Each structure stands twice: as structure tokens, then as C-alpha cells.
Protein backbone atom coordinates (compact mmCIF):
# COMPACT_ATOMS: atom_id res chain seq x y z
CA MET A 1 -48.56 0.58 1.38
CA GLU A 2 -46.93 3.57 -0.59
CA LEU A 3 -43.30 4.21 -1.16
CA PHE A 4 -41.63 6.55 1.27
CA ASP A 5 -41.27 9.51 -1.10
CA VAL A 6 -37.84 10.90 -0.84
CA TYR A 7 -36.71 10.70 -4.38
CA PRO A 8 -37.58 13.17 -7.15
CA ILE A 9 -38.44 10.71 -9.98
CA ASN A 10 -38.53 10.96 -13.62
CA ASN A 11 -41.74 9.45 -15.09
CA ILE A 12 -39.66 6.66 -16.84
CA THR A 13 -39.69 2.97 -16.30
CA ILE A 14 -36.47 1.23 -17.39
CA THR A 15 -37.03 -2.41 -18.33
CA LYS A 16 -33.72 -3.26 -20.42
CA ALA A 17 -30.10 -2.38 -20.49
CA LYS A 18 -27.07 -3.11 -22.57
CA GLY A 19 -23.72 -1.43 -22.78
CA SER A 20 -24.33 2.40 -22.65
CA TYR A 21 -27.98 2.16 -23.59
CA VAL A 22 -31.31 1.51 -21.60
CA TRP A 23 -34.87 1.07 -22.96
CA ASP A 24 -38.15 2.00 -21.35
CA ASP A 25 -41.32 -0.13 -21.06
CA LYS A 26 -42.49 1.57 -24.35
CA GLY A 27 -39.48 0.42 -26.15
CA GLU A 28 -37.82 3.94 -26.34
CA GLN A 29 -34.05 3.82 -26.26
CA TYR A 30 -31.93 6.16 -24.12
CA LEU A 31 -28.19 6.81 -24.11
CA ASP A 32 -26.94 6.71 -20.51
CA LEU A 33 -24.28 9.14 -19.38
CA TYR A 34 -25.33 9.03 -15.88
CA GLY A 35 -24.50 5.31 -15.28
CA GLY A 36 -26.98 4.95 -12.42
CA HIS A 37 -24.83 7.60 -10.49
CA ALA A 38 -21.44 6.37 -11.43
CA VAL A 39 -22.46 2.84 -10.79
CA ILE A 40 -22.14 1.30 -14.22
CA SER A 41 -18.48 1.04 -14.77
CA ILE A 42 -18.15 -1.67 -17.45
CA GLY A 43 -21.58 -1.32 -19.30
CA HIS A 44 -24.90 -2.51 -18.35
CA THR A 45 -25.38 -6.19 -18.29
CA HIS A 46 -21.95 -6.99 -19.62
CA PRO A 47 -21.95 -10.64 -20.61
CA HIS A 48 -18.92 -11.68 -18.70
CA TRP A 49 -20.35 -9.94 -15.49
CA VAL A 50 -23.71 -11.84 -15.99
CA GLN A 51 -21.80 -15.01 -16.44
CA ARG A 52 -19.88 -14.69 -13.41
CA ILE A 53 -22.96 -13.99 -11.19
CA GLU A 54 -25.03 -16.73 -12.84
CA GLU A 55 -22.41 -19.34 -12.14
CA GLN A 56 -21.90 -18.29 -8.77
CA LEU A 57 -25.66 -18.27 -8.00
CA LYS A 58 -25.81 -21.85 -9.06
CA LYS A 59 -23.13 -22.78 -6.56
CA ILE A 60 -23.88 -20.56 -3.47
CA ALA A 61 -25.18 -16.96 -3.05
CA PHE A 62 -24.54 -16.27 0.53
CA TYR A 63 -22.99 -17.42 3.69
CA SER A 64 -21.82 -15.29 6.62
CA ASN A 65 -18.23 -14.27 7.44
CA SER A 66 -18.02 -16.72 10.00
CA ILE A 67 -16.64 -19.33 7.57
CA LYS A 68 -13.71 -19.08 4.82
CA ILE A 69 -14.83 -17.60 1.66
CA PRO A 70 -12.01 -18.01 -0.95
CA LEU A 71 -13.61 -15.56 -3.36
CA GLN A 72 -12.69 -12.92 -1.02
CA GLU A 73 -9.15 -13.79 -1.03
CA GLU A 74 -9.26 -14.00 -4.85
CA LEU A 75 -10.93 -10.40 -4.87
CA ALA A 76 -8.22 -9.11 -2.55
CA THR A 77 -5.29 -10.40 -4.78
CA LYS A 78 -6.78 -9.15 -7.94
CA LEU A 79 -7.71 -5.69 -6.49
CA GLY A 80 -4.20 -5.47 -4.99
CA LYS A 81 -2.67 -6.18 -8.45
CA ILE A 82 -4.80 -3.74 -10.51
CA SER A 83 -4.81 -0.92 -7.80
CA GLY A 84 -1.11 -1.25 -7.31
CA LYS A 85 -1.73 -1.62 -3.51
CA GLU A 86 -0.69 -5.24 -3.12
CA ASP A 87 0.51 -4.78 0.64
CA TYR A 88 -2.78 -3.33 1.71
CA GLN A 89 -5.64 -5.15 3.36
CA LEU A 90 -9.16 -5.52 2.21
CA PHE A 91 -12.40 -5.14 4.35
CA LEU A 92 -15.72 -5.61 2.29
CA CYS A 93 -19.02 -4.08 3.02
CA ASN A 94 -22.09 -3.20 1.06
CA SER A 95 -22.19 0.54 0.19
CA GLY A 96 -20.14 3.80 -0.05
CA ALA A 97 -21.70 5.34 3.05
CA GLU A 98 -20.72 2.01 4.91
CA ALA A 99 -17.39 2.00 3.72
CA ASN A 100 -16.67 5.55 4.68
CA GLU A 101 -18.37 4.94 8.04
CA ASN A 102 -16.00 2.13 8.64
CA ALA A 103 -12.93 4.16 7.54
CA LEU A 104 -13.64 6.98 9.86
CA LYS A 105 -14.41 4.37 12.80
CA LEU A 106 -11.10 2.68 11.93
CA ALA A 107 -9.18 5.90 11.86
CA SER A 108 -10.60 6.82 15.29
CA PHE A 109 -9.65 3.22 16.70
CA HIS A 110 -6.17 3.44 15.27
CA THR A 111 -5.38 6.91 16.47
CA GLY A 112 -7.41 7.09 19.69
CA ARG A 113 -8.77 10.47 18.57
CA LYS A 114 -12.04 11.92 17.71
CA LYS A 115 -11.57 14.98 15.25
CA ILE A 116 -12.32 14.67 11.60
CA ILE A 117 -11.31 17.08 8.83
CA ALA A 118 -13.80 17.20 5.90
CA PHE A 119 -13.94 19.81 3.19
CA SER A 120 -16.64 22.18 1.71
CA LYS A 121 -19.03 20.50 -0.56
CA ALA A 122 -18.02 17.22 0.54
CA PHE A 123 -20.38 14.18 0.14
CA HIS A 124 -19.41 11.01 2.18
CA GLY A 125 -22.78 9.25 2.70
CA ARG A 126 -25.98 9.29 4.53
CA THR A 127 -25.24 7.31 7.64
CA SER A 128 -24.28 8.43 11.06
CA LEU A 129 -20.58 9.82 11.03
CA ALA A 130 -20.35 9.58 7.18
CA VAL A 131 -23.46 12.12 6.90
CA SER A 132 -21.75 14.33 9.72
CA ALA A 133 -18.82 14.54 7.32
CA THR A 134 -21.07 15.55 4.58
CA ASP A 135 -21.30 19.28 3.71
CA ASN A 136 -25.03 19.66 3.50
CA LYS A 137 -27.21 20.80 6.50
CA ASN A 138 -30.35 19.06 4.75
CA TYR A 139 -28.94 15.56 5.07
CA ILE A 140 -27.78 15.83 8.78
CA ALA A 141 -30.46 14.93 11.26
CA PRO A 142 -30.15 16.23 14.98
CA VAL A 143 -28.83 12.94 16.21
CA ASN A 144 -26.12 13.22 13.60
CA GLU A 145 -24.80 16.69 14.62
CA THR A 146 -21.36 16.45 16.18
CA ASP A 147 -18.64 18.91 17.16
CA ASN A 148 -16.12 16.22 15.98
CA VAL A 149 -16.14 17.12 12.32
CA ILE A 150 -14.67 20.26 10.97
CA PHE A 151 -15.07 21.43 7.53
CA LEU A 152 -12.30 23.43 5.72
CA PRO A 153 -12.23 25.14 2.34
CA PHE A 154 -11.55 22.76 -0.52
CA ASN A 155 -7.93 23.03 -1.91
CA ASP A 156 -6.90 25.63 0.54
CA GLU A 157 -3.51 24.58 1.84
CA GLU A 158 -3.06 27.38 4.19
CA ALA A 159 -6.23 26.69 6.07
CA LEU A 160 -5.35 23.06 6.44
CA GLU A 161 -1.85 23.83 7.66
CA ASP A 162 -3.29 26.40 10.17
CA TYR A 163 -5.86 23.98 11.46
CA PHE A 164 -3.44 21.14 11.95
CA GLU A 165 -1.01 23.56 13.67
CA GLU A 166 -3.66 24.48 16.19
CA ASN A 167 -5.26 21.05 16.64
CA GLY A 168 -3.01 18.42 15.15
CA LYS A 169 -2.83 16.20 18.25
CA GLU A 170 -6.68 15.88 18.31
CA ILE A 171 -6.96 14.95 14.53
CA ALA A 172 -7.95 11.30 13.83
CA ALA A 173 -8.46 11.54 10.09
CA VAL A 174 -8.59 13.70 7.02
CA ILE A 175 -11.33 12.41 4.60
CA ILE A 176 -11.38 13.79 1.06
CA GLU A 177 -12.76 12.81 -2.34
CA GLY A 178 -10.15 12.85 -5.05
CA ILE A 179 -12.72 14.33 -7.11
CA GLN A 180 -16.11 15.59 -5.58
CA GLY A 181 -19.13 14.08 -7.16
CA VAL A 182 -22.33 15.27 -5.53
CA GLY A 183 -20.35 18.61 -4.81
CA GLY A 184 -20.02 19.34 -8.54
CA ILE A 185 -16.94 17.60 -10.02
CA ASN A 186 -14.49 19.49 -8.12
CA VAL A 187 -10.93 18.08 -8.62
CA ALA A 188 -8.51 17.94 -5.52
CA GLU A 189 -5.24 19.68 -6.59
CA ASP A 190 -2.21 17.33 -6.52
CA SER A 191 -0.40 19.56 -4.29
CA PHE A 192 -3.31 19.68 -2.01
CA LEU A 193 -3.33 15.89 -1.76
CA SER A 194 0.28 15.96 -1.13
CA LYS A 195 -0.04 18.43 1.66
CA ILE A 196 -2.63 16.23 3.38
CA ARG A 197 -0.29 13.26 3.14
CA ALA A 198 2.56 15.19 4.64
CA LEU A 199 0.31 16.80 7.44
CA CYS A 200 -1.16 13.44 8.25
CA ASP A 201 2.37 11.90 8.64
CA GLU A 202 3.48 15.02 10.66
CA TYR A 203 0.76 14.71 13.11
CA GLY A 204 -0.12 11.00 13.13
CA ALA A 205 -3.52 11.40 11.46
CA VAL A 206 -4.99 8.94 9.08
CA TYR A 207 -5.45 10.06 5.18
CA ILE A 208 -8.75 8.59 4.04
CA ALA A 209 -9.10 8.74 0.30
CA ASP A 210 -12.90 8.72 -0.44
CA SER A 211 -12.82 6.95 -3.92
CA VAL A 212 -16.53 5.81 -3.83
CA GLN A 213 -17.20 7.81 -7.06
CA CYS A 214 -13.84 8.64 -8.35
CA GLY A 215 -12.21 5.21 -7.81
CA PHE A 216 -12.31 2.02 -9.74
CA GLY A 217 -10.65 3.57 -12.83
CA ARG A 218 -13.12 6.20 -13.58
CA SER A 219 -10.61 8.93 -13.57
CA GLY A 220 -8.23 7.00 -15.81
CA LYS A 221 -6.12 5.84 -12.92
CA PHE A 222 -7.47 3.18 -10.46
CA PHE A 223 -7.88 5.91 -7.84
CA SER A 224 -7.95 9.49 -8.60
CA HIS A 225 -5.90 10.42 -5.82
CA ASP A 226 -3.09 8.58 -7.67
CA PHE A 227 -2.54 11.55 -9.62
CA ALA A 228 -0.83 13.30 -6.80
CA GLY A 229 1.64 10.34 -6.39
CA VAL A 230 0.97 9.72 -2.73
CA ASN A 231 -0.47 6.71 -0.98
CA ALA A 232 -3.58 7.28 1.47
CA ASP A 233 -4.00 5.12 4.54
CA ILE A 234 -7.40 3.97 3.67
CA TYR A 235 -9.15 3.96 0.20
CA THR A 236 -13.00 3.68 0.30
CA MET A 237 -14.58 2.02 -2.89
CA ALA A 238 -18.33 1.18 -3.79
CA LYS A 239 -20.29 2.51 -6.96
CA GLY A 240 -18.48 1.01 -9.94
CA MET A 241 -16.96 -1.74 -7.78
CA GLY A 242 -19.93 -4.15 -8.66
CA ASN A 243 -21.44 -2.54 -11.84
CA GLY A 244 -24.80 -2.42 -10.21
CA PHE A 245 -24.37 -5.42 -7.60
CA PRO A 246 -24.21 -3.89 -4.11
CA VAL A 247 -20.57 -4.11 -3.00
CA ALA A 248 -17.97 -1.87 -1.40
CA GLY A 249 -14.91 -1.99 0.57
CA LEU A 250 -11.84 -0.36 2.24
CA ILE A 251 -8.37 -1.08 1.35
CA ILE A 252 -6.18 -0.28 4.53
CA ALA A 253 -2.41 0.33 4.57
CA PRO A 254 -0.39 -2.41 6.49
CA HIS A 255 0.56 -0.20 9.44
CA ILE A 256 -3.15 -0.23 10.59
CA LYS A 257 -3.50 -3.53 12.43
CA PRO A 258 -6.89 -5.17 12.64
CA LYS A 259 -8.50 -6.78 15.81
CA HIS A 260 -11.28 -9.20 15.90
CA PHE A 261 -14.83 -7.66 16.27
CA GLN A 262 -13.31 -4.18 15.37
CA LEU A 263 -15.43 -4.05 12.19
CA GLY A 264 -18.12 -6.38 11.01
CA THR A 265 -20.94 -6.91 8.43
CA THR A 266 -23.49 -9.55 7.70
CA PHE A 267 -23.83 -9.20 3.87
CA GLY A 268 -20.46 -7.65 3.11
CA GLY A 269 -18.12 -9.77 0.96
CA ASN A 270 -20.81 -12.16 0.21
CA HIS A 271 -20.38 -14.87 -2.54
CA LEU A 272 -22.28 -13.01 -5.04
CA ALA A 273 -20.82 -9.61 -4.40
CA CYS A 274 -17.27 -11.15 -4.91
CA ALA A 275 -18.27 -12.75 -8.03
CA ALA A 276 -19.69 -9.34 -9.34
CA ALA A 277 -16.34 -7.26 -8.27
CA LEU A 278 -14.13 -9.91 -9.65
CA ALA A 279 -15.96 -9.70 -13.02
CA VAL A 280 -15.74 -5.80 -12.89
CA LEU A 281 -11.87 -5.98 -12.36
CA GLU A 282 -11.38 -8.66 -14.93
CA VAL A 283 -13.19 -6.75 -17.51
CA LEU A 284 -11.49 -3.45 -16.63
CA GLU A 285 -8.24 -5.38 -17.28
CA GLU A 286 -9.00 -7.17 -20.48
CA GLU A 287 -10.81 -4.43 -22.14
CA LYS A 288 -8.34 -1.66 -21.10
CA LEU A 289 -11.33 0.40 -19.88
CA MET A 290 -9.03 2.79 -17.82
CA GLY A 291 -7.28 3.66 -21.10
CA ASN A 292 -10.72 4.10 -22.75
CA ALA A 293 -11.88 6.42 -19.86
CA VAL A 294 -8.76 8.68 -20.66
CA MET A 295 -9.32 8.86 -24.32
CA MET A 296 -13.10 9.30 -24.26
CA GLY A 297 -12.77 11.72 -21.45
CA LYS A 298 -10.28 13.90 -23.53
CA TYR A 299 -12.60 13.89 -26.47
CA LEU A 300 -15.68 14.87 -24.49
CA LYS A 301 -13.83 17.72 -22.66
CA ASP A 302 -12.18 18.85 -25.82
CA GLU A 303 -15.47 19.07 -27.59
CA LEU A 304 -17.39 20.48 -24.73
CA GLN A 305 -14.81 23.31 -24.45
CA GLU A 306 -15.66 24.29 -28.09
CA ILE A 307 -19.11 25.05 -27.25
CA PRO A 308 -19.09 28.64 -26.03
CA HIS A 309 -22.08 28.67 -23.85
CA LEU A 310 -20.88 26.06 -21.44
CA LYS A 311 -18.36 27.01 -18.81
CA ASN A 312 -15.59 25.62 -16.64
CA ILE A 313 -15.50 22.16 -18.15
CA ARG A 314 -13.57 20.04 -15.47
CA GLY A 315 -12.88 16.59 -14.26
CA ARG A 316 -10.69 13.58 -15.15
CA GLY A 317 -11.42 10.55 -17.23
CA LEU A 318 -15.08 9.92 -17.43
CA MET A 319 -16.04 12.05 -14.59
CA ILE A 320 -16.83 15.29 -16.03
CA GLY A 321 -18.67 18.47 -14.82
CA MET A 322 -19.69 21.70 -16.65
CA ASP A 323 -21.35 24.86 -15.63
CA VAL A 324 -24.62 25.81 -17.22
CA PRO A 325 -25.66 29.45 -17.39
CA GLU A 326 -29.11 30.41 -16.28
CA GLU A 327 -30.42 30.87 -19.74
CA LEU A 328 -29.52 27.30 -20.41
CA ILE A 329 -31.11 25.86 -17.18
CA ASP A 330 -33.29 23.60 -19.12
CA LEU A 331 -30.51 21.84 -21.04
CA ARG A 332 -30.34 18.81 -18.89
CA LYS A 333 -34.05 18.25 -19.01
CA ASN A 334 -34.28 18.87 -22.59
CA LEU A 335 -31.34 16.37 -23.14
CA LEU A 336 -33.52 13.66 -21.42
CA TRP A 337 -36.91 14.37 -22.95
CA ASN A 338 -35.83 15.57 -26.53
CA GLN A 339 -32.61 13.74 -26.96
CA LYS A 340 -33.46 10.68 -24.74
CA ILE A 341 -29.95 11.18 -23.06
CA PHE A 342 -29.40 10.67 -19.22
CA THR A 343 -26.90 12.80 -17.44
CA GLY A 344 -26.45 13.74 -13.77
CA GLU A 345 -26.55 17.01 -12.17
CA ALA A 346 -25.20 18.97 -9.13
CA LYS A 347 -27.12 21.89 -7.69
CA PRO A 348 -27.57 24.61 -8.81
CA ASN A 349 -26.21 24.50 -12.32
CA VAL A 350 -23.85 21.59 -12.86
CA ILE A 351 -24.48 18.93 -15.48
CA ARG A 352 -22.28 15.74 -14.63
CA LEU A 353 -21.22 13.05 -16.94
CA LEU A 354 -20.64 9.52 -15.29
CA PRO A 355 -20.93 7.06 -18.15
CA SER A 356 -19.66 3.51 -18.39
CA LEU A 357 -15.92 3.33 -18.77
CA ALA A 358 -16.63 1.39 -22.17
CA LEU A 359 -18.35 4.39 -23.65
CA ARG A 360 -17.82 4.36 -27.46
CA LYS A 361 -16.70 7.17 -29.71
CA ARG A 362 -20.09 7.17 -31.53
CA ASP A 363 -22.05 7.47 -28.39
CA ALA A 364 -19.85 10.46 -27.17
CA GLU A 365 -20.23 12.11 -30.69
CA GLN A 366 -24.08 11.52 -30.33
CA PHE A 367 -23.93 13.37 -27.06
CA ILE A 368 -21.96 16.28 -28.30
CA ASP A 369 -24.39 16.75 -31.33
CA ALA A 370 -27.46 16.51 -28.87
CA VAL A 371 -25.99 19.25 -26.59
CA LYS A 372 -25.22 21.59 -29.68
CA GLU A 373 -28.75 21.17 -30.92
CA GLU A 374 -30.44 21.69 -27.61
CA ILE A 375 -28.24 24.77 -26.86
CA ASN A 376 -29.16 26.14 -30.17
CA ASN A 377 -32.77 25.59 -29.57
CA LEU A 378 -32.60 27.22 -26.14
CA VAL A 379 -30.74 30.26 -27.51
CA ILE A 380 -32.91 30.77 -30.56
CA THR A 381 -36.21 30.04 -28.99
CA PRO A 382 -35.93 30.49 -25.16
CA ALA A 383 -38.64 29.38 -22.69
CA SER A 384 -41.21 32.23 -22.27
């Protein structure tokens, strides 16, 4: 049997990882500024994370949600404290797509409505309704096509107000990433998020803060939406929540009331997943990694802005994007193969940085030096 060929794969086999570094099967070391797609939040194989999972594995790895799982309650308490959302409720699942799927479903249950507002360049997942709210026709199968999702321009307050004025009583939810990830590191303006909050309040719609990539401290605040000084009704989380262990969740405002069987999952909130997520929160707090994300993010943005060939350096914390001109289109590839540095991308010409929140200054300096060297090589000796 062969693998279903849906991923463009680099011919690299990673066999070991620690901190911000990974090693391949030939012993070659790479600096990881991609973080497995914003997943590695506290560093690869962090010893506390490993210990938490190992200790739990020796006790019990899994049982279903038909029994009490005290680890879930411990996680909810810790998550409420660190996020500042102590009066919210927690529902656990397995992936970002599943979190957004459940958030949209819950909003429809709560309001009795069907219409969803999403935005240009949005990415909310690859499952049924989540992919319907994703602004990429290549991901949407015919069965996923629906008239219930409307896409509006990102950061366009006037378009948002106009749509609410005409259709407000039909809108179940507005879903928005605080910082668009796959869309290219586009930051939602604080005033735009405040406008969403005000319009949702006025028309009785649910504000869903997709924090799958931009949450769990990556922006320097626990949720990037917090920069706007407003509270969403539902926050969705995944990616860095488990540092590589599959775990995701929704935190839900107290005015949205649960009903038995309304949502459900087999594996969500299992013992190992909770142990992994608790370890991440404990390390975030103990090592003050949100503060480190702010400092390292500022350093990287300041240094990148001094490089004249790069354009539109943007982002918050350790979620950074930059535009690469056509003459430097091979920069990301050369950083990987020449400099042994993993970075992310967004089509057609954006390099994305999504490193561990424990990124060290010397690693950031190594990256900046590598970027300068590869740009210099491309400018002086362009590809024929």
C-alpha cells in the first residue's frame, strides 16, 4: 500500500528534536522556525512535557467521556487562570478543524440561525463547515459548498456594517482569526475586532475567535484577540496547545448554555491529551514564554525591517510574516537547503516564522545572519 499523495514533501527524514532544533537521519542539524506549523510552542521534547506524558501513560492513557476525568477539570482551571477567562466553559476535542466545526455548530444551536460571516484569506480547517468558511476553492469539495457562509473583506468595517444592517437577524456567527496564518500573517485591526464585538452584541450573533494558530501565547498575549480589549463568545484552540500531542478545544462564554449530546467526541480530552496540555501551560507560566515571544518577536521584526529587500514585515510576537520579491523567490528554499533552517510559507510569496516561544536570542541571530547571506547570494549571483 502507498501513502495517499496529498502533501508536497521535502526529502528530509527527521529522527530527533530538542528545543528549537531537529536532526535528520544523517545527523544533520536544522534550526526550526516553522515549529511543525505553529505546533511546537514550548520547544521540541521539553523535559517537563515528556515527563508529564510518561507519568500519565503509566497510569491510564485513555477512557471515554462517559466517566469523570479529573485532569479535564484541572486543565479547565489552569486554562481559565492563564487566559484570564475563568468564567468560561471548556469543551475538548482533537484538532483545530474540529474545534472550529464545533464552534460554528454551537453558534447555530445557540442562535437558531444559519448564516456565517468569514473573511477573505480565511483558513478555518478542512472539515465540513470549517472548510466552507475557508477562503480557498481548492479545499472545498462540492458537498461542502453552501450559501450559508458569506466572505467579506478582511479589516473592512464598512462592508461588515453594511452586511449586518441588511442581514443581521440571519447571522449566527462571525468567525475570524486574530492573525491569519495560512492567509499570510495578516493582523486583524483592533478596531475591526471591536466592531465585530459591537455588531454581534447588537444583532445577537456569536463572535468566534479562531485562535488555533494565533492563540496559546504565540502573539505575546494568550489570545491575539486580546489586543483589541474585547471578549469573544467562543475561542478555538489547537496547534500549540499540546506541543505536538493532538489536543484542541473551545472555551465558551457563560451565556451559552450546554445541553447533553449537543457536542461530543471519542478521543477529545483523553488523559494523555490533558497531561500534554497541562504541561504546556505549566511551562508557559514557569518560563514566562509569552514575554519571551514579545522580546524575540520584536528583535526579529526590527532586524528584518533593516533588510531592504524584504517588504511588509508584520505580525505579533512569534507569528511573523514577510513578503519576498520575485528576484528572491528562492530565499525560503535556500534557507532550508543551504542554511538548514525550516521556515513556513504562504502562497505566493510570503515567508512565515512560527518558532517555539522559547526561541533563544542566538537562534534568532543565526536566522538573521542566514537571511542576509542568502539574499546577498541571490542578488549577486541570481539563478539563471
